Amino acid sequence: MIRITYLSQATSDFASIDLIYLLEQCHLNNPKRGLTGLLIFGNDTFLQTIEGEENIVEKLIEKIAKDKRHIKFQILTRQSIENRQYSDWAMGFEKLTEKTIAEVPKLKHFMLSDFNPEYLSSNVSVVESLLERHR
């Protein structure tokens, strides 16, 4: 199995209804494919981790990378795994806000405006703190 975590930024035409549709598709399709994971969205930024069989995850990541609803796609981590960290979720979700950030002690100096691909790609410990609270 493999776990891939990526970042991207929503395009200007990405609406709330698009997010709802995206999550509905994940909940419908991921169990059939044996995929689990977590999506955090805030400040027009996506942080997503996807787990499952390597060929299935890689194929999905290729599709996601080409999706026109986001830009600045970048893979942060790609790791072989023996155990899932998000086994209970077809796709867990969190809408990041200043309030939810304040609930993470390790992110005392982190603000919602920092939740963007540029900042997160160079601050992997912040990414890990955001993901860790959902394991």
Protein backbone atom coordinates (compact mmCIF):
# COMPACT_ATOMS: atom_id res chain seq x y z
CA MET A 1 0.00 0.00 0.00
CA ILE A 2 0.92 3.62 -0.41
CA ARG A 3 0.01 7.00 1.09
CA ILE A 4 0.34 10.18 -0.95
CA THR A 5 -0.15 13.67 0.46
CA TYR A 6 -0.49 16.62 -1.86
CA LEU A 7 -1.23 20.34 -1.87
CA SER A 8 -2.99 22.51 -4.40
CA GLN A 9 -4.86 25.78 -4.70
CA ALA A 10 -8.46 26.10 -5.87
CA THR A 11 -9.07 28.04 -9.04
CA SER A 12 -11.10 31.20 -8.81
CA ASP A 13 -14.19 29.47 -10.15
CA PHE A 14 -14.20 26.76 -7.44
CA ALA A 15 -17.45 27.12 -5.48
CA SER A 16 -18.77 25.56 -2.27
CA ILE A 17 -21.07 23.35 -4.32
CA ASP A 18 -17.96 21.99 -6.07
CA LEU A 19 -16.54 20.98 -2.69
CA ILE A 20 -19.77 19.22 -1.75
CA TYR A 21 -19.81 17.38 -5.08
CA LEU A 22 -16.13 16.40 -4.65
CA LEU A 23 -16.78 14.92 -1.21
CA GLU A 24 -19.88 13.08 -2.42
CA GLN A 25 -17.83 11.50 -5.21
CA CYS A 26 -15.13 10.46 -2.72
CA HIS A 27 -17.70 8.84 -0.42
CA LEU A 28 -19.29 7.04 -3.37
CA ASN A 29 -16.16 5.86 -5.21
CA ASN A 30 -13.41 5.44 -2.61
CA PRO A 31 -14.88 2.42 -0.75
CA LYS A 32 -15.21 0.55 -4.07
CA ARG A 33 -11.54 1.24 -4.80
CA GLY A 34 -10.30 0.52 -1.29
CA LEU A 35 -9.20 4.12 -0.77
CA THR A 36 -9.16 6.04 2.49
CA GLY A 37 -7.91 9.47 3.39
CA LEU A 38 -8.39 13.00 4.62
CA LEU A 39 -9.06 16.32 2.90
CA ILE A 40 -8.45 19.62 4.64
CA PHE A 41 -9.68 22.72 2.82
CA GLY A 42 -9.27 26.36 3.75
CA ASN A 43 -8.03 29.64 2.32
CA ASP A 44 -8.70 28.18 -1.18
CA THR A 45 -6.09 25.48 -0.47
CA PHE A 46 -6.41 21.71 -0.58
CA LEU A 47 -4.30 19.43 1.62
CA GLN A 48 -5.19 15.81 0.95
CA THR A 49 -3.85 12.42 1.93
CA ILE A 50 -4.95 9.32 0.02
CA GLU A 51 -4.18 5.72 1.06
CA GLY A 52 -4.65 2.43 -0.74
CA GLU A 53 -3.13 0.01 -3.22
CA GLU A 54 -0.28 1.68 -5.06
CA ASN A 55 -1.59 1.40 -8.62
CA ILE A 56 -5.05 2.70 -7.63
CA VAL A 57 -3.68 5.65 -5.65
CA GLU A 58 -1.17 6.55 -8.38
CA LYS A 59 -3.90 6.49 -11.05
CA LEU A 60 -6.14 8.72 -8.93
CA ILE A 61 -3.30 11.16 -8.23
CA GLU A 62 -2.65 11.44 -11.98
CA LYS A 63 -6.32 12.29 -12.50
CA ILE A 64 -6.34 14.79 -9.61
CA ALA A 65 -3.21 16.51 -10.94
CA LYS A 66 -5.00 17.21 -14.25
CA ASP A 67 -8.20 18.51 -12.63
CA LYS A 68 -8.90 22.08 -13.79
CA ARG A 69 -10.54 23.03 -10.48
CA HIS A 70 -7.14 23.58 -8.90
CA ILE A 71 -3.62 24.78 -9.68
CA LYS A 72 -0.18 24.60 -8.06
CA PHE A 73 -0.55 20.84 -7.56
CA GLN A 74 2.43 19.35 -5.73
CA ILE A 75 3.05 16.06 -4.02
CA LEU A 76 4.47 16.55 -0.53
CA THR A 77 5.01 12.93 0.47
CA ARG A 78 4.76 9.52 -1.16
CA GLN A 79 5.37 6.61 1.20
CA SER A 80 4.90 2.88 1.26
CA ILE A 81 2.74 1.85 4.20
CA GLU A 82 1.70 -1.32 5.95
CA ASN A 83 -1.14 0.26 7.94
CA ARG A 84 -3.62 2.98 7.13
CA GLN A 85 -3.85 6.11 9.25
CA TYR A 86 -7.35 7.01 8.05
CA SER A 87 -8.91 3.56 7.83
CA ASP A 88 -12.30 4.72 9.14
CA TRP A 89 -12.84 7.32 6.41
CA ALA A 90 -13.65 6.96 2.73
CA MET A 91 -12.58 10.61 2.85
CA GLY A 92 -12.45 12.51 6.09
CA PHE A 93 -12.94 16.25 5.77
CA GLU A 94 -12.16 19.40 7.68
CA LYS A 95 -12.92 22.97 6.67
CA LEU A 96 -10.02 24.81 8.25
CA THR A 97 -10.84 28.02 10.12
CA GLU A 98 -9.02 30.25 12.59
CA LYS A 99 -11.01 28.48 15.33
CA THR A 100 -9.95 24.97 14.28
CA ILE A 101 -6.33 26.11 13.97
CA ALA A 102 -6.46 27.47 17.53
CA GLU A 103 -7.38 23.94 18.71
CA VAL A 104 -3.95 22.62 17.64
CA PRO A 105 -1.40 23.49 20.35
CA LYS A 106 1.56 22.93 18.00
CA LEU A 107 0.24 25.63 15.65
CA LYS A 108 0.29 28.53 18.08
CA HIS A 109 1.83 30.93 15.53
CA PHE A 110 0.08 29.56 12.44
CA MET A 111 -2.78 31.52 10.85
CA LEU A 112 -5.36 30.64 8.22
CA SER A 113 -3.57 32.94 5.75
CA ASP A 114 -0.53 30.61 6.12
CA PHE A 115 -2.61 27.70 4.81
CA ASN A 116 -1.41 27.99 1.22
CA PRO A 117 0.79 25.84 -1.03
CA GLU A 118 3.85 28.08 -0.77
CA TYR A 119 3.92 28.17 3.03
CA LEU A 120 2.93 24.55 3.59
CA SER A 121 5.40 23.09 1.09
CA SER A 122 8.27 24.63 3.04
CA ASN A 123 6.81 23.88 6.50
CA VAL A 124 6.22 20.14 6.54
CA SER A 125 5.98 20.08 10.35
CA VAL A 126 2.84 22.25 10.09
CA VAL A 127 1.37 19.84 7.56
CA GLU A 128 2.13 16.94 9.88
CA SER A 129 0.46 18.73 12.83
CA LEU A 130 -2.66 19.39 10.76
CA LEU A 131 -2.91 15.77 9.62
CA GLU A 132 -1.94 14.26 12.98
CA ARG A 133 -5.00 15.53 14.80
CA HIS A 134 -7.27 13.35 12.63
CA ARG A 135 -5.44 10.05 13.08
